[in-house]
Full PDB file with SEQRES, HELIX, SHEET, SSBOND, CRYST1, ORIGX, SCALE, CONECT and MASTER records, all heavy atoms in Angstrom:
SEQRES   1 A   44  ILE SER GLY ARG ASP ARG SER THR TYR TYR LEU ASP SER          
SEQRES   2 A   44  VAL LYS GLY ARG PHE THR ILE SER SER ASP ASN ALA LYS          
SEQRES   3 A   44  LYS THR THR TYR LEU GLN MET ASN SER LEU LYS PRO GLU          
SEQRES   4 A   44  ASP THR GLY VAL TYR                                          
HELIX    1 AA1 ASP A   12  VAL A   14  5                                   3    
HELIX    2 AA2 PRO A   38  ASP A   40  5                                   3    
SHEET    1 AA1 2 PHE A  18  ASP A  23  0                                        
SHEET    2 AA1 2 THR A  28  MET A  33 -1                                        
CRYST1    1.000    1.000    1.000  90.00  90.00  90.00 P 1           1          
ORIGX1      1.000000  0.000000  0.000000        0.00000                         
ORIGX2      0.000000  1.000000  0.000000        0.00000                         
ORIGX3      0.000000  0.000000  1.000000        0.00000                         
SCALE1      1.000000  0.000000  0.000000        0.00000                         
SCALE2      0.000000  1.000000  0.000000        0.00000                         
SCALE3      0.000000  0.000000  1.000000        0.00000                         
ATOM      1  N   ILE A   1      -0.748  -1.184   7.143  1.00  0.00           N  
ATOM      2  CA  ILE A   1      -0.375  -2.544   7.513  1.00  0.00           C  
ATOM      3  C   ILE A   1       0.080  -2.562   8.894  1.00  0.00           C  
ATOM      4  O   ILE A   1       0.929  -1.726   9.300  1.00  0.00           O  
ATOM      5  CB  ILE A   1       0.712  -3.116   6.532  1.00  0.00           C  
ATOM      6  CG1 ILE A   1       0.893  -4.626   6.844  1.00  0.00           C  
ATOM      7  CG2 ILE A   1       1.937  -2.294   6.494  1.00  0.00           C  
ATOM      8  CD1 ILE A   1       1.746  -5.328   5.704  1.00  0.00           C  
ATOM      9  N   SER A   2      -0.387  -3.501   9.708  1.00  0.00           N  
ATOM     10  CA  SER A   2       0.056  -3.593  11.052  1.00  0.00           C  
ATOM     11  C   SER A   2       1.397  -4.209  11.235  1.00  0.00           C  
ATOM     12  O   SER A   2       1.774  -5.172  10.506  1.00  0.00           O  
ATOM     13  CB  SER A   2      -0.942  -4.495  11.836  1.00  0.00           C  
ATOM     14  OG  SER A   2      -0.509  -4.787  13.123  1.00  0.00           O  
ATOM     15  N   GLY A   3       2.293  -3.693  12.114  1.00  0.00           N  
ATOM     16  CA  GLY A   3       3.508  -4.264  12.363  1.00  0.00           C  
ATOM     17  C   GLY A   3       3.547  -5.489  13.133  1.00  0.00           C  
ATOM     18  O   GLY A   3       4.509  -6.213  13.216  1.00  0.00           O  
ATOM     19  N   ARG A   4       2.377  -5.866  13.842  1.00  0.00           N  
ATOM     20  CA  ARG A   4       2.254  -6.996  14.648  1.00  0.00           C  
ATOM     21  C   ARG A   4       1.712  -8.174  13.977  1.00  0.00           C  
ATOM     22  O   ARG A   4       2.386  -9.330  13.890  1.00  0.00           O  
ATOM     23  CB  ARG A   4       1.594  -6.717  15.969  1.00  0.00           C  
ATOM     24  CG  ARG A   4       2.232  -5.696  16.819  1.00  0.00           C  
ATOM     25  CD  ARG A   4       1.529  -5.556  18.116  1.00  0.00           C  
ATOM     26  NE  ARG A   4       2.326  -4.696  19.115  1.00  0.00           N  
ATOM     27  CZ  ARG A   4       1.792  -4.438  20.319  1.00  0.00           C  
ATOM     28  NH1 ARG A   4       0.733  -5.001  20.764  1.00  0.00           N  
ATOM     29  NH2 ARG A   4       2.578  -3.772  21.094  1.00  0.00           N  
ATOM     30  N   ASP A   5       0.618  -8.075  13.370  1.00  0.00           N  
ATOM     31  CA  ASP A   5      -0.114  -9.286  12.804  1.00  0.00           C  
ATOM     32  C   ASP A   5      -0.188  -9.153  11.300  1.00  0.00           C  
ATOM     33  O   ASP A   5      -0.884 -10.064  10.634  1.00  0.00           O  
ATOM     34  CB  ASP A   5      -1.468  -9.444  13.411  1.00  0.00           C  
ATOM     35  CG  ASP A   5      -2.444  -8.270  13.278  1.00  0.00           C  
ATOM     36  OD1 ASP A   5      -2.123  -7.392  12.469  1.00  0.00           O  
ATOM     37  OD2 ASP A   5      -3.579  -8.351  13.825  1.00  0.00           O  
ATOM     38  N   ARG A   6       0.218  -8.118  10.660  1.00  0.00           N  
ATOM     39  CA  ARG A   6       0.237  -7.834   9.233  1.00  0.00           C  
ATOM     40  C   ARG A   6      -1.144  -7.701   8.576  1.00  0.00           C  
ATOM     41  O   ARG A   6      -1.356  -7.962   7.370  1.00  0.00           O  
ATOM     42  CB  ARG A   6       0.986  -8.995   8.475  1.00  0.00           C  
ATOM     43  CG  ARG A   6       2.459  -9.038   8.913  1.00  0.00           C  
ATOM     44  CD  ARG A   6       3.105  -7.748   8.331  1.00  0.00           C  
ATOM     45  NE  ARG A   6       4.571  -7.921   8.614  1.00  0.00           N  
ATOM     46  CZ  ARG A   6       5.161  -7.418   9.652  1.00  0.00           C  
ATOM     47  NH1 ARG A   6       4.596  -6.746  10.486  1.00  0.00           N  
ATOM     48  NH2 ARG A   6       6.590  -7.474   9.672  1.00  0.00           N  
ATOM     49  N   SER A   7      -2.120  -7.458   9.433  1.00  0.00           N  
ATOM     50  CA  SER A   7      -3.436  -7.056   8.893  1.00  0.00           C  
ATOM     51  C   SER A   7      -3.344  -5.806   8.120  1.00  0.00           C  
ATOM     52  O   SER A   7      -2.520  -4.921   8.298  1.00  0.00           O  
ATOM     53  CB  SER A   7      -4.563  -6.991  10.011  1.00  0.00           C  
ATOM     54  OG  SER A   7      -4.111  -5.916  10.927  1.00  0.00           O  
ATOM     55  N   THR A   8      -4.211  -5.692   7.040  1.00  0.00           N  
ATOM     56  CA  THR A   8      -4.126  -4.581   6.190  1.00  0.00           C  
ATOM     57  C   THR A   8      -5.510  -3.923   5.950  1.00  0.00           C  
ATOM     58  O   THR A   8      -6.531  -4.443   6.190  1.00  0.00           O  
ATOM     59  CB  THR A   8      -3.628  -5.087   4.822  1.00  0.00           C  
ATOM     60  OG1 THR A   8      -4.477  -6.051   4.273  1.00  0.00           O  
ATOM     61  CG2 THR A   8      -2.255  -5.561   4.982  1.00  0.00           C  
ATOM     62  N   TYR A   9      -5.408  -2.654   5.508  1.00  0.00           N  
ATOM     63  CA  TYR A   9      -6.530  -1.909   5.046  1.00  0.00           C  
ATOM     64  C   TYR A   9      -6.159  -1.273   3.662  1.00  0.00           C  
ATOM     65  O   TYR A   9      -5.121  -0.922   3.455  1.00  0.00           O  
ATOM     66  CB  TYR A   9      -6.964  -0.732   6.013  1.00  0.00           C  
ATOM     67  CG  TYR A   9      -7.650   0.344   5.342  1.00  0.00           C  
ATOM     68  CD1 TYR A   9      -9.096   0.225   5.276  1.00  0.00           C  
ATOM     69  CD2 TYR A   9      -7.215   1.466   4.807  1.00  0.00           C  
ATOM     70  CE1 TYR A   9      -9.892   1.200   4.683  1.00  0.00           C  
ATOM     71  CE2 TYR A   9      -7.904   2.444   4.126  1.00  0.00           C  
ATOM     72  CZ  TYR A   9      -9.277   2.280   4.147  1.00  0.00           C  
ATOM     73  OH  TYR A   9     -10.034   3.343   3.564  1.00  0.00           O  
ATOM     74  N   TYR A  10      -7.100  -1.365   2.814  1.00  0.00           N  
ATOM     75  CA  TYR A  10      -7.124  -0.648   1.472  1.00  0.00           C  
ATOM     76  C   TYR A  10      -8.332   0.147   1.230  1.00  0.00           C  
ATOM     77  O   TYR A  10      -9.402  -0.280   1.435  1.00  0.00           O  
ATOM     78  CB  TYR A  10      -6.943  -1.662   0.387  1.00  0.00           C  
ATOM     79  CG  TYR A  10      -5.639  -2.427   0.422  1.00  0.00           C  
ATOM     80  CD1 TYR A  10      -5.569  -3.766   0.912  1.00  0.00           C  
ATOM     81  CD2 TYR A  10      -4.511  -1.956  -0.210  1.00  0.00           C  
ATOM     82  CE1 TYR A  10      -4.366  -4.370   0.927  1.00  0.00           C  
ATOM     83  CE2 TYR A  10      -3.266  -2.589  -0.248  1.00  0.00           C  
ATOM     84  CZ  TYR A  10      -3.225  -3.885   0.299  1.00  0.00           C  
ATOM     85  OH  TYR A  10      -2.016  -4.502   0.339  1.00  0.00           O  
ATOM     86  N   LEU A  11      -8.107   1.363   0.626  1.00  0.00           N  
ATOM     87  CA  LEU A  11      -9.211   2.163   0.172  1.00  0.00           C  
ATOM     88  C   LEU A  11      -9.872   1.375  -0.872  1.00  0.00           C  
ATOM     89  O   LEU A  11      -9.094   0.810  -1.774  1.00  0.00           O  
ATOM     90  CB  LEU A  11      -8.616   3.528  -0.390  1.00  0.00           C  
ATOM     91  CG  LEU A  11      -9.605   4.569  -0.928  1.00  0.00           C  
ATOM     92  CD1 LEU A  11     -10.495   5.075   0.155  1.00  0.00           C  
ATOM     93  CD2 LEU A  11      -8.816   5.581  -1.606  1.00  0.00           C  
ATOM     94  N   ASP A  12     -11.217   1.350  -0.923  1.00  0.00           N  
ATOM     95  CA  ASP A  12     -11.992   0.511  -1.917  1.00  0.00           C  
ATOM     96  C   ASP A  12     -11.363   0.865  -3.387  1.00  0.00           C  
ATOM     97  O   ASP A  12     -11.335  -0.096  -4.187  1.00  0.00           O  
ATOM     98  CB  ASP A  12     -13.405   0.851  -1.905  1.00  0.00           C  
ATOM     99  CG  ASP A  12     -14.100   0.241  -0.720  1.00  0.00           C  
ATOM    100  OD1 ASP A  12     -13.440  -0.680  -0.066  1.00  0.00           O  
ATOM    101  OD2 ASP A  12     -15.229   0.470  -0.438  1.00  0.00           O  
ATOM    102  N   SER A  13     -11.166   2.046  -3.783  1.00  0.00           N  
ATOM    103  CA  SER A  13     -10.762   2.439  -5.079  1.00  0.00           C  
ATOM    104  C   SER A  13      -9.469   1.906  -5.545  1.00  0.00           C  
ATOM    105  O   SER A  13      -9.151   1.929  -6.745  1.00  0.00           O  
ATOM    106  CB  SER A  13     -10.924   3.922  -5.316  1.00  0.00           C  
ATOM    107  OG  SER A  13      -9.968   4.621  -4.505  1.00  0.00           O  
ATOM    108  N   VAL A  14      -8.617   1.421  -4.547  1.00  0.00           N  
ATOM    109  CA  VAL A  14      -7.364   0.963  -4.953  1.00  0.00           C  
ATOM    110  C   VAL A  14      -7.131  -0.583  -4.834  1.00  0.00           C  
ATOM    111  O   VAL A  14      -6.107  -1.126  -5.102  1.00  0.00           O  
ATOM    112  CB  VAL A  14      -6.191   1.664  -4.022  1.00  0.00           C  
ATOM    113  CG1 VAL A  14      -6.319   3.166  -4.183  1.00  0.00           C  
ATOM    114  CG2 VAL A  14      -6.186   1.195  -2.747  1.00  0.00           C  
ATOM    115  N   LYS A  15      -8.166  -1.136  -4.218  1.00  0.00           N  
ATOM    116  CA  LYS A  15      -8.098  -2.689  -4.019  1.00  0.00           C  
ATOM    117  C   LYS A  15      -7.910  -3.323  -5.405  1.00  0.00           C  
ATOM    118  O   LYS A  15      -8.543  -3.074  -6.386  1.00  0.00           O  
ATOM    119  CB  LYS A  15      -9.425  -3.082  -3.357  1.00  0.00           C  
ATOM    120  CG  LYS A  15      -9.573  -2.706  -1.899  1.00  0.00           C  
ATOM    121  CD  LYS A  15     -10.868  -3.343  -1.287  1.00  0.00           C  
ATOM    122  CE  LYS A  15     -10.981  -2.956   0.139  1.00  0.00           C  
ATOM    123  NZ  LYS A  15     -12.162  -3.418   0.729  1.00  0.00           N  
ATOM    124  N   GLY A  16      -6.948  -4.278  -5.453  1.00  0.00           N  
ATOM    125  CA  GLY A  16      -6.620  -5.002  -6.624  1.00  0.00           C  
ATOM    126  C   GLY A  16      -5.648  -4.400  -7.480  1.00  0.00           C  
ATOM    127  O   GLY A  16      -5.099  -5.010  -8.400  1.00  0.00           O  
ATOM    128  N   ARG A  17      -5.290  -3.137  -7.085  1.00  0.00           N  
ATOM    129  CA  ARG A  17      -4.231  -2.410  -7.888  1.00  0.00           C  
ATOM    130  C   ARG A  17      -3.050  -2.057  -7.036  1.00  0.00           C  
ATOM    131  O   ARG A  17      -1.924  -2.049  -7.530  1.00  0.00           O  
ATOM    132  CB  ARG A  17      -4.917  -1.038  -8.437  1.00  0.00           C  
ATOM    133  CG  ARG A  17      -6.012  -1.252  -9.370  1.00  0.00           C  
ATOM    134  CD  ARG A  17      -6.457   0.038 -10.079  1.00  0.00           C  
ATOM    135  NE  ARG A  17      -6.880   1.036  -9.119  1.00  0.00           N  
ATOM    136  CZ  ARG A  17      -6.333   2.214  -8.930  1.00  0.00           C  
ATOM    137  NH1 ARG A  17      -5.251   2.627  -9.675  1.00  0.00           N  
ATOM    138  NH2 ARG A  17      -6.785   3.044  -8.097  1.00  0.00           N  
ATOM    139  N   PHE A  18      -3.255  -1.739  -5.780  1.00  0.00           N  
ATOM    140  CA  PHE A  18      -2.152  -1.339  -4.804  1.00  0.00           C  
ATOM    141  C   PHE A  18      -1.896  -2.519  -3.897  1.00  0.00           C  
ATOM    142  O   PHE A  18      -2.843  -3.197  -3.454  1.00  0.00           O  
ATOM    143  CB  PHE A  18      -2.510  -0.077  -4.052  1.00  0.00           C  
ATOM    144  CG  PHE A  18      -2.600   1.177  -4.756  1.00  0.00           C  
ATOM    145  CD1 PHE A  18      -2.640   1.173  -6.218  1.00  0.00           C  
ATOM    146  CD2 PHE A  18      -2.712   2.305  -4.093  1.00  0.00           C  
ATOM    147  CE1 PHE A  18      -2.688   2.329  -6.879  1.00  0.00           C  
ATOM    148  CE2 PHE A  18      -2.769   3.543  -4.836  1.00  0.00           C  
ATOM    149  CZ  PHE A  18      -2.787   3.541  -6.172  1.00  0.00           C  
ATOM    150  N   THR A  19      -0.613  -2.670  -3.491  1.00  0.00           N  
ATOM    151  CA  THR A  19      -0.274  -3.677  -2.459  1.00  0.00           C  
ATOM    152  C   THR A  19       0.701  -3.078  -1.462  1.00  0.00           C  
ATOM    153  O   THR A  19       1.645  -2.552  -1.913  1.00  0.00           O  
ATOM    154  CB  THR A  19       0.349  -4.941  -3.204  1.00  0.00           C  
ATOM    155  OG1 THR A  19      -0.480  -5.437  -4.114  1.00  0.00           O  
ATOM    156  CG2 THR A  19       0.693  -5.929  -2.104  1.00  0.00           C  
ATOM    157  N   ILE A  20       0.310  -3.142  -0.174  1.00  0.00           N  
ATOM    158  CA  ILE A  20       1.268  -2.659   0.850  1.00  0.00           C  
ATOM    159  C   ILE A  20       1.973  -3.820   1.357  1.00  0.00           C  
ATOM    160  O   ILE A  20       1.523  -4.953   1.538  1.00  0.00           O  
ATOM    161  CB  ILE A  20       0.416  -1.935   1.925  1.00  0.00           C  
ATOM    162  CG1 ILE A  20       1.317  -1.064   2.827  1.00  0.00           C  
ATOM    163  CG2 ILE A  20      -0.488  -2.821   2.723  1.00  0.00           C  
ATOM    164  CD1 ILE A  20       0.719  -0.113   3.691  1.00  0.00           C  
ATOM    165  N   SER A  21       3.353  -3.549   1.793  1.00  0.00           N  
ATOM    166  CA  SER A  21       4.091  -4.657   2.368  1.00  0.00           C  
ATOM    167  C   SER A  21       5.159  -3.957   3.349  1.00  0.00           C  
ATOM    168  O   SER A  21       5.258  -2.770   3.316  1.00  0.00           O  
ATOM    169  CB  SER A  21       4.880  -5.392   1.318  1.00  0.00           C  
ATOM    170  OG  SER A  21       5.764  -4.606   0.579  1.00  0.00           O  
ATOM    171  N   SER A  22       5.681  -4.722   4.198  1.00  0.00           N  
ATOM    172  CA  SER A  22       6.537  -4.161   5.209  1.00  0.00           C  
ATOM    173  C   SER A  22       7.721  -5.088   5.392  1.00  0.00           C  
ATOM    174  O   SER A  22       7.631  -6.302   5.550  1.00  0.00           O  
ATOM    175  CB  SER A  22       5.826  -3.962   6.489  1.00  0.00           C  
ATOM    176  OG  SER A  22       6.687  -3.426   7.524  1.00  0.00           O  
ATOM    177  N   ASP A  23       8.956  -4.518   5.533  1.00  0.00           N  
ATOM    178  CA  ASP A  23      10.204  -5.334   5.818  1.00  0.00           C  
ATOM    179  C   ASP A  23      10.747  -4.856   7.160  1.00  0.00           C  
ATOM    180  O   ASP A  23      11.268  -3.735   7.262  1.00  0.00           O  
ATOM    181  CB  ASP A  23      11.216  -5.099   4.732  1.00  0.00           C  
ATOM    182  CG  ASP A  23      12.493  -5.849   4.892  1.00  0.00           C  
ATOM    183  OD1 ASP A  23      12.809  -6.216   6.008  1.00  0.00           O  
ATOM    184  OD2 ASP A  23      13.081  -6.062   3.850  1.00  0.00           O  
ATOM    185  N   ASN A  24      10.506  -5.584   8.134  1.00  0.00           N  
ATOM    186  CA  ASN A  24      10.962  -5.224   9.488  1.00  0.00           C  
ATOM    187  C   ASN A  24      12.405  -5.022   9.638  1.00  0.00           C  
ATOM    188  O   ASN A  24      12.917  -4.158  10.411  1.00  0.00           O  
ATOM    189  CB  ASN A  24      10.412  -6.322  10.558  1.00  0.00           C  
ATOM    190  CG  ASN A  24       8.881  -6.255  10.724  1.00  0.00           C  
ATOM    191  OD1 ASN A  24       8.155  -5.447  10.182  1.00  0.00           O  
ATOM    192  ND2 ASN A  24       8.387  -7.090  11.631  1.00  0.00           N  
ATOM    193  N   ALA A  25      13.233  -5.779   8.966  1.00  0.00           N  
ATOM    194  CA  ALA A  25      14.660  -5.745   9.070  1.00  0.00           C  
ATOM    195  C   ALA A  25      15.127  -4.320   8.547  1.00  0.00           C  
ATOM    196  O   ALA A  25      16.019  -3.743   9.121  1.00  0.00           O  
ATOM    197  CB  ALA A  25      15.293  -6.821   8.355  1.00  0.00           C  
ATOM    198  N   LYS A  26      14.486  -3.923   7.512  1.00  0.00           N  
ATOM    199  CA  LYS A  26      14.954  -2.668   6.948  1.00  0.00           C  
ATOM    200  C   LYS A  26      14.037  -1.434   7.431  1.00  0.00           C  
ATOM    201  O   LYS A  26      14.388  -0.300   7.096  1.00  0.00           O  
ATOM    202  CB  LYS A  26      14.729  -2.610   5.452  1.00  0.00           C  
ATOM    203  CG  LYS A  26      15.553  -3.673   4.750  1.00  0.00           C  
ATOM    204  CD  LYS A  26      15.403  -3.642   3.202  1.00  0.00           C  
ATOM    205  CE  LYS A  26      16.344  -4.564   2.475  1.00  0.00           C  
ATOM    206  NZ  LYS A  26      16.110  -4.532   1.017  1.00  0.00           N  
ATOM    207  N   LYS A  27      13.007  -1.753   8.356  1.00  0.00           N  
ATOM    208  CA  LYS A  27      12.223  -0.703   8.887  1.00  0.00           C  
ATOM    209  C   LYS A  27      11.578   0.156   7.846  1.00  0.00           C  
ATOM    210  O   LYS A  27      11.516   1.313   7.828  1.00  0.00           O  
ATOM    211  CB  LYS A  27      12.980   0.104   9.875  1.00  0.00           C  
ATOM    212  CG  LYS A  27      13.384  -0.615  11.122  1.00  0.00           C  
ATOM    213  CD  LYS A  27      13.994   0.217  12.139  1.00  0.00           C  
ATOM    214  CE  LYS A  27      14.404  -0.540  13.397  1.00  0.00           C  
ATOM    215  NZ  LYS A  27      14.992   0.405  14.460  1.00  0.00           N  
ATOM    216  N   THR A  28      11.078  -0.560   6.783  1.00  0.00           N  
ATOM    217  CA  THR A  28      10.646   0.114   5.526  1.00  0.00           C  
ATOM    218  C   THR A  28       9.339  -0.414   5.160  1.00  0.00           C  
ATOM    219  O   THR A  28       9.145  -1.692   5.126  1.00  0.00           O  
ATOM    220  CB  THR A  28      11.628   0.004   4.350  1.00  0.00           C  
ATOM    221  OG1 THR A  28      12.856   0.535   4.779  1.00  0.00           O  
ATOM    222  CG2 THR A  28      11.142   0.712   3.106  1.00  0.00           C  
ATOM    223  N   THR A  29       8.374   0.471   4.819  1.00  0.00           N  
ATOM    224  CA  THR A  29       7.103   0.061   4.235  1.00  0.00           C  
ATOM    225  C   THR A  29       6.956   0.434   2.812  1.00  0.00           C  
ATOM    226  O   THR A  29       7.467   1.493   2.449  1.00  0.00           O  
ATOM    227  CB  THR A  29       5.945   0.689   5.054  1.00  0.00           C  
ATOM    228  OG1 THR A  29       6.084   0.369   6.463  1.00  0.00           O  
ATOM    229  CG2 THR A  29       4.581   0.199   4.608  1.00  0.00           C  
ATOM    230  N   TYR A  30       6.354  -0.364   2.017  1.00  0.00           N  
ATOM    231  CA  TYR A  30       6.303  -0.231   0.571  1.00  0.00           C  
ATOM    232  C   TYR A  30       4.812  -0.151   0.080  1.00  0.00           C  
ATOM    233  O   TYR A  30       3.996  -0.756   0.697  1.00  0.00           O  
ATOM    234  CB  TYR A  30       6.977  -1.354  -0.241  1.00  0.00           C  
ATOM    235  CG  TYR A  30       8.442  -1.513   0.088  1.00  0.00           C  
ATOM    236  CD1 TYR A  30       8.748  -2.449   1.138  1.00  0.00           C  
ATOM    237  CD2 TYR A  30       9.556  -0.748  -0.433  1.00  0.00           C  
ATOM    238  CE1 TYR A  30      10.171  -2.728   1.500  1.00  0.00           C  
ATOM    239  CE2 TYR A  30      10.708  -0.961  -0.077  1.00  0.00           C  
ATOM    240  CZ  TYR A  30      11.043  -1.882   0.947  1.00  0.00           C  
ATOM    241  OH  TYR A  30      12.400  -2.104   1.239  1.00  0.00           O  
ATOM    242  N   LEU A  31       4.590   0.583  -0.908  1.00  0.00           N  
ATOM    243  CA  LEU A  31       3.241   0.663  -1.539  1.00  0.00           C  
ATOM    244  C   LEU A  31       3.481   0.524  -3.024  1.00  0.00           C  
ATOM    245  O   LEU A  31       3.960   1.301  -3.704  1.00  0.00           O  
ATOM    246  CB  LEU A  31       2.588   2.001  -1.316  1.00  0.00           C  
ATOM    247  CG  LEU A  31       1.111   1.964  -1.780  1.00  0.00           C  
ATOM    248  CD1 LEU A  31       0.230   0.990  -1.083  1.00  0.00           C  
ATOM    249  CD2 LEU A  31       0.485   3.386  -1.778  1.00  0.00           C  
ATOM    250  N   GLN A  32       3.251  -0.694  -3.491  1.00  0.00           N  
ATOM    251  CA  GLN A  32       3.259  -1.008  -5.007  1.00  0.00           C  
ATOM    252  C   GLN A  32       2.001  -0.532  -5.604  1.00  0.00           C  
ATOM    253  O   GLN A  32       0.934  -1.061  -5.188  1.00  0.00           O  
ATOM    254  CB  GLN A  32       3.577  -2.453  -5.218  1.00  0.00           C  
ATOM    255  CG  GLN A  32       3.557  -2.844  -6.683  1.00  0.00           C  
ATOM    256  CD  GLN A  32       4.804  -2.332  -7.356  1.00  0.00           C  
ATOM    257  OE1 GLN A  32       5.880  -2.384  -6.799  1.00  0.00           O  
ATOM    258  NE2 GLN A  32       4.590  -1.736  -8.521  1.00  0.00           N  
ATOM    259  N   MET A  33       2.135   0.257  -6.576  1.00  0.00           N  
ATOM    260  CA  MET A  33       0.871   0.958  -7.195  1.00  0.00           C  
ATOM    261  C   MET A  33       0.963   0.468  -8.696  1.00  0.00           C  
ATOM    262  O   MET A  33       1.792   0.966  -9.397  1.00  0.00           O  
ATOM    263  CB  MET A  33       0.802   2.430  -6.991  1.00  0.00           C  
ATOM    264  CG  MET A  33       0.915   2.917  -5.605  1.00  0.00           C  
ATOM    265  SD  MET A  33       0.770   4.710  -5.360  1.00  0.00           S  
ATOM    266  CE  MET A  33       2.135   5.257  -6.349  1.00  0.00           C  
ATOM    267  N   ASN A  34      -0.050  -0.224  -9.048  1.00  0.00           N  
ATOM    268  CA  ASN A  34      -0.150  -0.673 -10.419  1.00  0.00           C  
ATOM    269  C   ASN A  34      -1.474  -0.206 -11.032  1.00  0.00           C  
ATOM    270  O   ASN A  34      -2.375   0.253 -10.379  1.00  0.00           O  
ATOM    271  CB  ASN A  34      -0.183  -2.252 -10.565  1.00  0.00           C  
ATOM    272  CG  ASN A  34       1.104  -2.863 -10.103  1.00  0.00           C  
ATOM    273  OD1 ASN A  34       2.196  -2.308 -10.114  1.00  0.00           O  
ATOM    274  ND2 ASN A  34       0.955  -4.106  -9.446  1.00  0.00           N  
ATOM    275  N   SER A  35      -1.517  -0.158 -12.372  1.00  0.00           N  
ATOM    276  CA  SER A  35      -2.763   0.241 -13.084  1.00  0.00           C  
ATOM    277  C   SER A  35      -3.133   1.557 -12.640  1.00  0.00           C  
ATOM    278  O   SER A  35      -4.293   1.914 -12.400  1.00  0.00           O  
ATOM    279  CB  SER A  35      -3.854  -0.709 -12.994  1.00  0.00           C  
ATOM    280  OG  SER A  35      -3.475  -2.082 -13.426  1.00  0.00           O  
ATOM    281  N   LEU A  36      -2.187   2.623 -12.569  1.00  0.00           N  
ATOM    282  CA  LEU A  36      -2.453   3.834 -12.064  1.00  0.00           C  
ATOM    283  C   LEU A  36      -3.473   4.698 -12.852  1.00  0.00           C  
ATOM    284  O   LEU A  36      -3.457   4.572 -14.078  1.00  0.00           O  
ATOM    285  CB  LEU A  36      -1.198   4.636 -11.818  1.00  0.00           C  
ATOM    286  CG  LEU A  36      -0.387   4.251 -10.619  1.00  0.00           C  
ATOM    287  CD1 LEU A  36       1.136   4.728 -10.762  1.00  0.00           C  
ATOM    288  CD2 LEU A  36      -0.955   4.840  -9.327  1.00  0.00           C  
ATOM    289  N   LYS A  37      -4.253   5.411 -12.191  1.00  0.00           N  
ATOM    290  CA  LYS A  37      -5.234   6.249 -12.848  1.00  0.00           C  
ATOM    291  C   LYS A  37      -5.094   7.799 -12.587  1.00  0.00           C  
ATOM    292  O   LYS A  37      -4.405   8.046 -11.601  1.00  0.00           O  
ATOM    293  CB  LYS A  37      -6.718   5.848 -12.443  1.00  0.00           C  
ATOM    294  CG  LYS A  37      -7.081   4.369 -12.559  1.00  0.00           C  
ATOM    295  CD  LYS A  37      -8.367   4.040 -11.959  1.00  0.00           C  
ATOM    296  CE  LYS A  37      -8.777   2.623 -12.195  1.00  0.00           C  
ATOM    297  NZ  LYS A  37     -10.098   2.273 -11.560  1.00  0.00           N  
ATOM    298  N   PRO A  38      -5.482   8.578 -13.477  1.00  0.00           N  
ATOM    299  CA  PRO A  38      -5.362  10.043 -13.169  1.00  0.00           C  
ATOM    300  C   PRO A  38      -5.823  10.407 -11.754  1.00  0.00           C  
ATOM    301  O   PRO A  38      -5.232  11.415 -11.083  1.00  0.00           O  
ATOM    302  CB  PRO A  38      -6.058  10.712 -14.270  1.00  0.00           C  
ATOM    303  CG  PRO A  38      -6.050   9.843 -15.420  1.00  0.00           C  
ATOM    304  CD  PRO A  38      -6.095   8.385 -14.732  1.00  0.00           C  
ATOM    305  N   GLU A  39      -6.936   9.867 -11.302  1.00  0.00           N  
ATOM    306  CA  GLU A  39      -7.411  10.088 -10.027  1.00  0.00           C  
ATOM    307  C   GLU A  39      -6.579   9.711  -8.898  1.00  0.00           C  
ATOM    308  O   GLU A  39      -6.887  10.116  -7.681  1.00  0.00           O  
ATOM    309  CB  GLU A  39      -8.915   9.603  -9.838  1.00  0.00           C  
ATOM    310  CG  GLU A  39      -9.060   8.081 -10.077  1.00  0.00           C  
ATOM    311  CD  GLU A  39      -9.484   7.914 -11.605  1.00  0.00           C  
ATOM    312  OE1 GLU A  39      -9.059   8.502 -12.524  1.00  0.00           O  
ATOM    313  OE2 GLU A  39     -10.394   7.007 -11.713  1.00  0.00           O  
ATOM    314  N   ASP A  40      -5.609   8.969  -9.164  1.00  0.00           N  
ATOM    315  CA  ASP A  40      -4.587   8.592  -8.127  1.00  0.00           C  
ATOM    316  C   ASP A  40      -3.581   9.711  -7.852  1.00  0.00           C  
ATOM    317  O   ASP A  40      -2.809   9.602  -6.916  1.00  0.00           O  
ATOM    318  CB  ASP A  40      -3.832   7.423  -8.484  1.00  0.00           C  
ATOM    319  CG  ASP A  40      -4.743   6.100  -8.544  1.00  0.00           C  
ATOM    320  OD1 ASP A  40      -5.605   5.951  -7.618  1.00  0.00           O  
ATOM    321  OD2 ASP A  40      -4.524   5.354  -9.413  1.00  0.00           O  
ATOM    322  N   THR A  41      -3.634  10.802  -8.667  1.00  0.00           N  
ATOM    323  CA  THR A  41      -2.684  11.884  -8.504  1.00  0.00           C  
ATOM    324  C   THR A  41      -2.801  12.563  -7.093  1.00  0.00           C  
ATOM    325  O   THR A  41      -3.916  12.872  -6.604  1.00  0.00           O  
ATOM    326  CB  THR A  41      -2.948  12.933  -9.589  1.00  0.00           C  
ATOM    327  OG1 THR A  41      -2.499  12.228 -10.893  1.00  0.00           O  
ATOM    328  CG2 THR A  41      -2.030  14.080  -9.413  1.00  0.00           C  
ATOM    329  N   GLY A  42      -1.641  12.876  -6.543  1.00  0.00           N  
ATOM    330  CA  GLY A  42      -1.630  13.526  -5.257  1.00  0.00           C  
ATOM    331  C   GLY A  42      -0.406  13.373  -4.567  1.00  0.00           C  
ATOM    332  O   GLY A  42       0.561  12.764  -5.054  1.00  0.00           O  
ATOM    333  N   VAL A  43      -0.204  14.107  -3.445  1.00  0.00           N  
ATOM    334  CA  VAL A  43       0.938  13.942  -2.616  1.00  0.00           C  
ATOM    335  C   VAL A  43       0.690  12.714  -1.683  1.00  0.00           C  
ATOM    336  O   VAL A  43      -0.405  12.725  -0.960  1.00  0.00           O  
ATOM    337  CB  VAL A  43       1.238  15.141  -1.815  1.00  0.00           C  
ATOM    338  CG1 VAL A  43       2.547  14.999  -0.909  1.00  0.00           C  
ATOM    339  CG2 VAL A  43       1.521  16.394  -2.795  1.00  0.00           C  
ATOM    340  N   TYR A  44       1.529  11.823  -1.594  1.00  0.00           N  
ATOM    341  CA  TYR A  44       1.366  10.620  -0.761  1.00  0.00           C  
ATOM    342  C   TYR A  44       2.296  10.771   0.383  1.00  0.00           C  
ATOM    343  O   TYR A  44       3.451  10.940   0.242  1.00  0.00           O  
ATOM    344  CB  TYR A  44       1.749   9.346  -1.604  1.00  0.00           C  
ATOM    345  CG  TYR A  44       0.719   8.902  -2.575  1.00  0.00           C  
ATOM    346  CD1 TYR A  44       0.350   9.679  -3.634  1.00  0.00           C  
ATOM    347  CD2 TYR A  44      -0.016   7.725  -2.305  1.00  0.00           C  
ATOM    348  CE1 TYR A  44      -0.659   9.309  -4.565  1.00  0.00           C  
ATOM    349  CE2 TYR A  44      -1.115   7.342  -3.266  1.00  0.00           C  
ATOM    350  CZ  TYR A  44      -1.346   8.199  -4.263  1.00  0.00           C  
ATOM    351  OH  TYR A  44      -2.337   7.700  -5.218  1.00  0.00           O  
TER     352      TYR A  44                                                      
MASTER        0    0    0    2    2    0    0    6  351    1    0    4          
END                                                                             
C-alpha cells in the first residue's frame, strides 16, 4: 500500500481474502488475513 495515494497491490491468490491498511498516525501497516488456506503458510 502506498503511503501517498493509498493505491494497493494484491497477489492474485489472496484477493478477496486479505486486506492491507495503513495508519499514518501510528506508523503501522496491517494485513488482515481471512479464509486462510494451508498454502498461505510461511514467514511473512
